[in-house]
């Protein structure tokens, strides 16, 4: 039997059934960016940490508008999404110095979208050696930093010159 001590996962397991609705609609309306791990807000889109990341610093960029089809995005949303992808890469490079990135979009439930009604881009920082024996042989991914600490480290890099 394989065992891994990952106490942060209990929150995910406890909330799978409880968290109803679209997080990309609900979280920005709550106006509690620190609690919800929202790193940056724009007019049309926002950047949020993935609460259950593939790697530390795993971000998502989403429009505020509930839209699940890429062809339904308006021009302003498309422009700001790509500006925020650029800001995300730049901020992550400065703050945590990854060696590369996976950036992607899952459209539709069959493609792996956890919230198929609300499209969002994933930005996953990658480091040389982050795929080691644990995921390859042990089929287990280790996230080495709590999300609260990741938020504290990243927030200043996403809000330079915009201190509150």
Foldseek 3Di string as FASTA:
>chain_A
DDDDDDVLCVVVVVCVVPDDDDCLQPVVVVPPCLVQQWQDDDPFKTKHADQDDLEQLKIKIFGNDQAQDPVPDDPVNVVVSVVVVVLSVQLCCVQPNAPDWDKAKQADVVSPDPRNRTTMIIIGGHHVCLPDCCCVPVVDHDHDDHNSVSSVRRNCSSQPVNDD
